[in-house]
Amino acid sequence: LTGLYLMLYAVGRSIVEEFRGDEIRGFVLDGQLSTSQAISAFMFAVGLGLCVLSRARASQSAARLPNP
């Protein structure tokens, strides 16, 4: 659930940052991304990693259950 939250928040924050009118917010990658968008990209990657890790752990624990 935390991974999904991080990914959805990152997408929402990036969209909001795209439509903000201020120009003084810091830029990364030659002005292609604002600082908040760069942080959101990192948050999305962490959230995706948490989701993948969670699914891997769930499938491992399901494999350990005895078959009736």
PDB file of N, CA and C in Angstrom:
ATOM      1  N   LEU A   1       0.824  -1.188   0.000  1.00  0.00           N
ATOM      2  CA  LEU A   1       0.000   0.000   0.000  1.00  0.00           C
ATOM      3  C   LEU A   1       0.876   1.262   0.000  1.00  0.00           C
ATOM      4  N   THR A   2       1.961   1.219   0.732  1.00  0.00           N
ATOM      5  CA  THR A   2       2.874   2.361   0.769  1.00  0.00           C
ATOM      6  C   THR A   2       3.507   2.599  -0.597  1.00  0.00           C
ATOM      7  N   GLY A   3       3.885   1.535  -1.269  1.00  0.00           N
ATOM      8  CA  GLY A   3       4.469   1.668  -2.598  1.00  0.00           C
ATOM      9  C   GLY A   3       3.490   2.279  -3.585  1.00  0.00           C
ATOM     10  N   LEU A   4       2.241   1.847  -3.528  1.00  0.00           N
ATOM     11  CA  LEU A   4       1.218   2.402  -4.411  1.00  0.00           C
ATOM     12  C   LEU A   4       0.991   3.882  -4.109  1.00  0.00           C
ATOM     13  N   TYR A   5       0.961   4.232  -2.829  1.00  0.00           N
ATOM     14  CA  TYR A   5       0.806   5.640  -2.453  1.00  0.00           C
ATOM     15  C   TYR A   5       1.947   6.489  -3.005  1.00  0.00           C
ATOM     16  N   LEU A   6       3.170   6.013  -2.840  1.00  0.00           N
ATOM     17  CA  LEU A   6       4.327   6.769  -3.335  1.00  0.00           C
ATOM     18  C   LEU A   6       4.252   6.972  -4.838  1.00  0.00           C
ATOM     19  N   MET A   7       3.849   5.946  -5.566  1.00  0.00           N
ATOM     20  CA  MET A   7       3.777   6.064  -7.019  1.00  0.00           C
ATOM     21  C   MET A   7       2.672   7.035  -7.436  1.00  0.00           C
ATOM     22  N   LEU A   8       1.496   6.933  -6.826  1.00  0.00           N
ATOM     23  CA  LEU A   8       0.393   7.823  -7.199  1.00  0.00           C
ATOM     24  C   LEU A   8       0.668   9.269  -6.788  1.00  0.00           C
ATOM     25  N   TYR A   9       1.281   9.459  -5.623  1.00  0.00           N
ATOM     26  CA  TYR A   9       1.628  10.809  -5.195  1.00  0.00           C
ATOM     27  C   TYR A   9       2.642  11.429  -6.149  1.00  0.00           C
ATOM     28  N   ALA A  10       3.618  10.639  -6.573  1.00  0.00           N
ATOM     29  CA  ALA A  10       4.647  11.142  -7.488  1.00  0.00           C
ATOM     30  C   ALA A  10       4.038  11.578  -8.818  1.00  0.00           C
ATOM     31  N   VAL A  11       3.103  10.805  -9.335  1.00  0.00           N
ATOM     32  CA  VAL A  11       2.449  11.166 -10.593  1.00  0.00           C
ATOM     33  C   VAL A  11       1.642  12.449 -10.418  1.00  0.00           C
ATOM     34  N   GLY A  12       0.869  12.520  -9.346  1.00  0.00           N
ATOM     35  CA  GLY A  12       0.063  13.722  -9.086  1.00  0.00           C
ATOM     36  C   GLY A  12       0.918  14.956  -8.889  1.00  0.00           C
ATOM     37  N   ARG A  13       1.975  14.824  -8.157  1.00  0.00           N
ATOM     38  CA  ARG A  13       2.858  15.962  -7.900  1.00  0.00           C
ATOM     39  C   ARG A  13       3.543  16.435  -9.181  1.00  0.00           C
ATOM     40  N   SER A  14       3.925  15.511 -10.027  1.00  0.00           N
ATOM     41  CA  SER A  14       4.549  15.887 -11.298  1.00  0.00           C
ATOM     42  C   SER A  14       3.577  16.640 -12.190  1.00  0.00           C
ATOM     43  N   ILE A  15       2.328  16.217 -12.204  1.00  0.00           N
ATOM     44  CA  ILE A  15       1.312  16.910 -13.002  1.00  0.00           C
ATOM     45  C   ILE A  15       1.090  18.320 -12.474  1.00  0.00           C
ATOM     46  N   VAL A  16       0.979  18.472 -11.171  1.00  0.00           N
ATOM     47  CA  VAL A  16       0.792  19.797 -10.574  1.00  0.00           C
ATOM     48  C   VAL A  16       1.982  20.690 -10.888  1.00  0.00           C
ATOM     49  N   GLU A  17       3.179  20.169 -10.774  1.00  0.00           N
ATOM     50  CA  GLU A  17       4.381  20.960 -11.040  1.00  0.00           C
ATOM     51  C   GLU A  17       4.453  21.401 -12.498  1.00  0.00           C
ATOM     52  N   GLU A  18       3.929  20.604 -13.398  1.00  0.00           N
ATOM     53  CA  GLU A  18       3.964  20.945 -14.816  1.00  0.00           C
ATOM     54  C   GLU A  18       3.131  22.196 -15.107  1.00  0.00           C
ATOM     55  N   PHE A  19       2.035  22.370 -14.390  1.00  0.00           N
ATOM     56  CA  PHE A  19       1.124  23.469 -14.670  1.00  0.00           C
ATOM     57  C   PHE A  19       1.285  24.670 -13.739  1.00  0.00           C
ATOM     58  N   ARG A  20       2.257  24.625 -12.840  1.00  0.00           N
ATOM     59  CA  ARG A  20       2.511  25.783 -11.981  1.00  0.00           C
ATOM     60  C   ARG A  20       3.071  26.923 -12.805  1.00  0.00           C
ATOM     61  N   GLY A  21       2.765  28.142 -12.421  1.00  0.00           N
ATOM     62  CA  GLY A  21       3.190  29.290 -13.201  1.00  0.00           C
ATOM     63  C   GLY A  21       4.527  29.876 -12.809  1.00  0.00           C
ATOM     64  N   ASP A  22       5.048  29.528 -11.656  1.00  0.00           N
ATOM     65  CA  ASP A  22       6.297  30.143 -11.218  1.00  0.00           C
ATOM     66  C   ASP A  22       7.491  29.503 -11.915  1.00  0.00           C
ATOM     67  N   GLU A  23       8.494  30.310 -12.130  1.00  0.00           N
ATOM     68  CA  GLU A  23       9.701  29.834 -12.795  1.00  0.00           C
ATOM     69  C   GLU A  23      10.857  29.631 -11.818  1.00  0.00           C
ATOM     70  N   ILE A  24      10.693  30.082 -10.587  1.00  0.00           N
ATOM     71  CA  ILE A  24      11.768  29.998  -9.604  1.00  0.00           C
ATOM     72  C   ILE A  24      11.510  28.788  -8.702  1.00  0.00           C
ATOM     73  N   ARG A  25      11.747  27.622  -9.216  1.00  0.00           N
ATOM     74  CA  ARG A  25      11.524  26.415  -8.432  1.00  0.00           C
ATOM     75  C   ARG A  25      12.659  25.422  -8.562  1.00  0.00           C
ATOM     76  N   GLY A  26      13.700  25.805  -9.250  1.00  0.00           N
ATOM     77  CA  GLY A  26      14.845  24.932  -9.440  1.00  0.00           C
ATOM     78  C   GLY A  26      14.637  24.028 -10.634  1.00  0.00           C
ATOM     79  N   PHE A  27      15.693  23.765 -11.344  1.00  0.00           N
ATOM     80  CA  PHE A  27      15.565  22.926 -12.528  1.00  0.00           C
ATOM     81  C   PHE A  27      16.662  21.876 -12.572  1.00  0.00           C
ATOM     82  N   VAL A  28      16.309  20.731 -13.061  1.00  0.00           N
ATOM     83  CA  VAL A  28      17.216  19.599 -13.191  1.00  0.00           C
ATOM     84  C   VAL A  28      17.213  19.189 -14.664  1.00  0.00           C
ATOM     85  N   LEU A  29      18.299  18.666 -15.151  1.00  0.00           N
ATOM     86  CA  LEU A  29      18.426  18.189 -16.538  1.00  0.00           C
ATOM     87  C   LEU A  29      18.195  19.309 -17.545  1.00  0.00           C
ATOM     88  N   ASP A  30      18.933  20.372 -17.425  1.00  0.00           N
ATOM     89  CA  ASP A  30      18.843  21.512 -18.347  1.00  0.00           C
ATOM     90  C   ASP A  30      17.444  22.096 -18.459  1.00  0.00           C
ATOM     91  N   GLY A  31      16.765  22.216 -17.361  1.00  0.00           N
ATOM     92  CA  GLY A  31      15.453  22.842 -17.359  1.00  0.00           C
ATOM     93  C   GLY A  31      14.302  21.943 -17.766  1.00  0.00           C
ATOM     94  N   GLN A  32      14.529  20.665 -17.931  1.00  0.00           N
ATOM     95  CA  GLN A  32      13.458  19.752 -18.327  1.00  0.00           C
ATOM     96  C   GLN A  32      12.567  19.363 -17.154  1.00  0.00           C
ATOM     97  N   LEU A  33      13.129  19.274 -15.977  1.00  0.00           N
ATOM     98  CA  LEU A  33      12.380  18.881 -14.783  1.00  0.00           C
ATOM     99  C   LEU A  33      12.592  19.906 -13.678  1.00  0.00           C
ATOM    100  N   SER A  34      11.530  20.160 -12.914  1.00  0.00           N
ATOM    101  CA  SER A  34      11.714  20.971 -11.709  1.00  0.00           C
ATOM    102  C   SER A  34      12.298  20.071 -10.626  1.00  0.00           C
ATOM    103  N   THR A  35      12.747  20.674  -9.552  1.00  0.00           N
ATOM    104  CA  THR A  35      13.304  19.905  -8.445  1.00  0.00           C
ATOM    105  C   THR A  35      12.267  18.937  -7.888  1.00  0.00           C
ATOM    106  N   SER A  36      11.024  19.398  -7.760  1.00  0.00           N
ATOM    107  CA  SER A  36       9.956  18.534  -7.242  1.00  0.00           C
ATOM    108  C   SER A  36       9.670  17.362  -8.177  1.00  0.00           C
ATOM    109  N   GLN A  37       9.767  17.586  -9.473  1.00  0.00           N
ATOM    110  CA  GLN A  37       9.558  16.494 -10.414  1.00  0.00           C
ATOM    111  C   GLN A  37      10.689  15.470 -10.329  1.00  0.00           C
ATOM    112  N   ALA A  38      11.904  15.925 -10.108  1.00  0.00           N
ATOM    113  CA  ALA A  38      13.027  14.997  -9.937  1.00  0.00           C
ATOM    114  C   ALA A  38      12.840  14.165  -8.673  1.00  0.00           C
ATOM    115  N   ILE A  39      12.397  14.798  -7.600  1.00  0.00           N
ATOM    116  CA  ILE A  39      12.125  14.067  -6.366  1.00  0.00           C
ATOM    117  C   ILE A  39      10.982  13.088  -6.578  1.00  0.00           C
ATOM    118  N   SER A  40       9.973  13.498  -7.342  1.00  0.00           N
ATOM    119  CA  SER A  40       8.846  12.613  -7.632  1.00  0.00           C
ATOM    120  C   SER A  40       9.288  11.396  -8.437  1.00  0.00           C
ATOM    121  N   ALA A  41      10.214  11.572  -9.355  1.00  0.00           N
ATOM    122  CA  ALA A  41      10.726  10.440 -10.125  1.00  0.00           C
ATOM    123  C   ALA A  41      11.415   9.441  -9.197  1.00  0.00           C
ATOM    124  N   PHE A  42      12.181   9.950  -8.244  1.00  0.00           N
ATOM    125  CA  PHE A  42      12.824   9.082  -7.257  1.00  0.00           C
ATOM    126  C   PHE A  42      11.779   8.367  -6.400  1.00  0.00           C
ATOM    127  N   MET A  43      10.747   9.111  -5.957  1.00  0.00           N
ATOM    128  CA  MET A  43       9.683   8.513  -5.152  1.00  0.00           C
ATOM    129  C   MET A  43       8.952   7.424  -5.924  1.00  0.00           C
ATOM    130  N   PHE A  44       8.716   7.660  -7.213  1.00  0.00           N
ATOM    131  CA  PHE A  44       8.042   6.658  -8.036  1.00  0.00           C
ATOM    132  C   PHE A  44       8.883   5.385  -8.111  1.00  0.00           C
ATOM    133  N   ALA A  45      10.188   5.547  -8.290  1.00  0.00           N
ATOM    134  CA  ALA A  45      11.081   4.388  -8.363  1.00  0.00           C
ATOM    135  C   ALA A  45      11.091   3.608  -7.051  1.00  0.00           C
ATOM    136  N   VAL A  46      11.106   4.316  -5.932  1.00  0.00           N
ATOM    137  CA  VAL A  46      11.070   3.648  -4.625  1.00  0.00           C
ATOM    138  C   VAL A  46       9.739   2.919  -4.444  1.00  0.00           C
ATOM    139  N   GLY A  47       8.639   3.570  -4.799  1.00  0.00           N
ATOM    140  CA  GLY A  47       7.321   2.943  -4.695  1.00  0.00           C
ATOM    141  C   GLY A  47       7.209   1.709  -5.563  1.00  0.00           C
ATOM    142  N   LEU A  48       7.736   1.790  -6.782  1.00  0.00           N
ATOM    143  CA  LEU A  48       7.721   0.637  -7.679  1.00  0.00           C
ATOM    144  C   LEU A  48       8.551  -0.501  -7.095  1.00  0.00           C
ATOM    145  N   GLY A  49       9.696  -0.169  -6.534  1.00  0.00           N
ATOM    146  CA  GLY A  49      10.526  -1.183  -5.891  1.00  0.00           C
ATOM    147  C   GLY A  49       9.817  -1.854  -4.728  1.00  0.00           C
ATOM    148  N   LEU A  50       9.101  -1.071  -3.927  1.00  0.00           N
ATOM    149  CA  LEU A  50       8.347  -1.642  -2.812  1.00  0.00           C
ATOM    150  C   LEU A  50       7.242  -2.576  -3.303  1.00  0.00           C
ATOM    151  N   CYS A  51       6.563  -2.192  -4.379  1.00  0.00           N
ATOM    152  CA  CYS A  51       5.499  -3.042  -4.926  1.00  0.00           C
ATOM    153  C   CYS A  51       6.066  -4.354  -5.463  1.00  0.00           C
ATOM    154  N   VAL A  52       7.181  -4.277  -6.168  1.00  0.00           N
ATOM    155  CA  VAL A  52       7.805  -5.488  -6.707  1.00  0.00           C
ATOM    156  C   VAL A  52       8.286  -6.386  -5.573  1.00  0.00           C
ATOM    157  N   LEU A  53       8.911  -5.798  -4.578  1.00  0.00           N
ATOM    158  CA  LEU A  53       9.394  -6.566  -3.426  1.00  0.00           C
ATOM    159  C   LEU A  53       8.240  -7.221  -2.682  1.00  0.00           C
ATOM    160  N   SER A  54       7.155  -6.500  -2.520  1.00  0.00           N
ATOM    161  CA  SER A  54       5.992  -7.039  -1.819  1.00  0.00           C
ATOM    162  C   SER A  54       5.393  -8.225  -2.573  1.00  0.00           C
ATOM    163  N   ARG A  55       5.292  -8.104  -3.898  1.00  0.00           N
ATOM    164  CA  ARG A  55       4.751  -9.214  -4.694  1.00  0.00           C
ATOM    165  C   ARG A  55       5.666 -10.431  -4.648  1.00  0.00           C
ATOM    166  N   ALA A  56       6.965 -10.196  -4.672  1.00  0.00           N
ATOM    167  CA  ALA A  56       7.915 -11.305  -4.617  1.00  0.00           C
ATOM    168  C   ALA A  56       7.809 -12.027  -3.277  1.00  0.00           C
ATOM    169  N   ARG A  57       7.695 -11.282  -2.209  1.00  0.00           N
ATOM    170  CA  ARG A  57       7.561 -11.899  -0.884  1.00  0.00           C
ATOM    171  C   ARG A  57       6.242 -12.646  -0.750  1.00  0.00           C
ATOM    172  N   ALA A  58       5.176 -12.110  -1.317  1.00  0.00           N
ATOM    173  CA  ALA A  58       3.873 -12.766  -1.245  1.00  0.00           C
ATOM    174  C   ALA A  58       3.885 -14.083  -2.013  1.00  0.00           C
ATOM    175  N   SER A  59       4.532 -14.101  -3.163  1.00  0.00           N
ATOM    176  CA  SER A  59       4.578 -15.347  -3.938  1.00  0.00           C
ATOM    177  C   SER A  59       5.471 -16.383  -3.266  1.00  0.00           C
ATOM    178  N   GLN A  60       6.520 -15.922  -2.589  1.00  0.00           N
ATOM    179  CA  GLN A  60       7.382 -16.860  -1.860  1.00  0.00           C
ATOM    180  C   GLN A  60       6.639 -17.474  -0.682  1.00  0.00           C
ATOM    181  N   SER A  61       5.896 -16.683   0.041  1.00  0.00           N
ATOM    182  CA  SER A  61       5.179 -17.228   1.196  1.00  0.00           C
ATOM    183  C   SER A  61       4.020 -18.114   0.746  1.00  0.00           C
ATOM    184  N   ALA A  62       3.421 -17.818  -0.406  1.00  0.00           N
ATOM    185  CA  ALA A  62       2.360 -18.677  -0.928  1.00  0.00           C
ATOM    186  C   ALA A  62       2.922 -20.015  -1.375  1.00  0.00           C
ATOM    187  N   ALA A  63       4.149 -20.026  -1.866  1.00  0.00           N
ATOM    188  CA  ALA A  63       4.780 -21.269  -2.305  1.00  0.00           C
ATOM    189  C   ALA A  63       5.129 -22.154  -1.121  1.00  0.00           C
ATOM    190  N   ARG A  64       5.311 -21.562   0.045  1.00  0.00           N
ATOM    191  CA  ARG A  64       5.674 -22.337   1.239  1.00  0.00           C
ATOM    192  C   ARG A  64       4.474 -22.974   1.916  1.00  0.00           C
ATOM    193  N   LEU A  65       3.266 -22.572   1.566  1.00  0.00           N
ATOM    194  CA  LEU A  65       2.079 -23.136   2.187  1.00  0.00           C
ATOM    195  C   LEU A  65       1.905 -24.591   1.738  1.00  0.00           C
ATOM    196  N   PRO A  66       1.498 -25.468   2.666  1.00  0.00           N
ATOM    197  CA  PRO A  66       1.292 -26.868   2.279  1.00  0.00           C
ATOM    198  C   PRO A  66       0.074 -27.017   1.366  1.00  0.00           C
ATOM    199  N   ASN A  67       0.192 -27.898   0.401  1.00  0.00           N
ATOM    200  CA  ASN A  67      -0.934 -28.170  -0.506  1.00  0.00           C
ATOM    201  C   ASN A  67      -1.856 -29.184   0.138  1.00  0.00           C
ATOM    202  N   PRO A  68      -3.160 -28.927   0.140  1.00  0.00           N
ATOM    203  CA  PRO A  68      -4.093 -29.885   0.784  1.00  0.00           C
ATOM    204  C   PRO A  68      -4.320 -31.122  -0.049  1.00  0.00           C
TER     205      PRO A  68
END
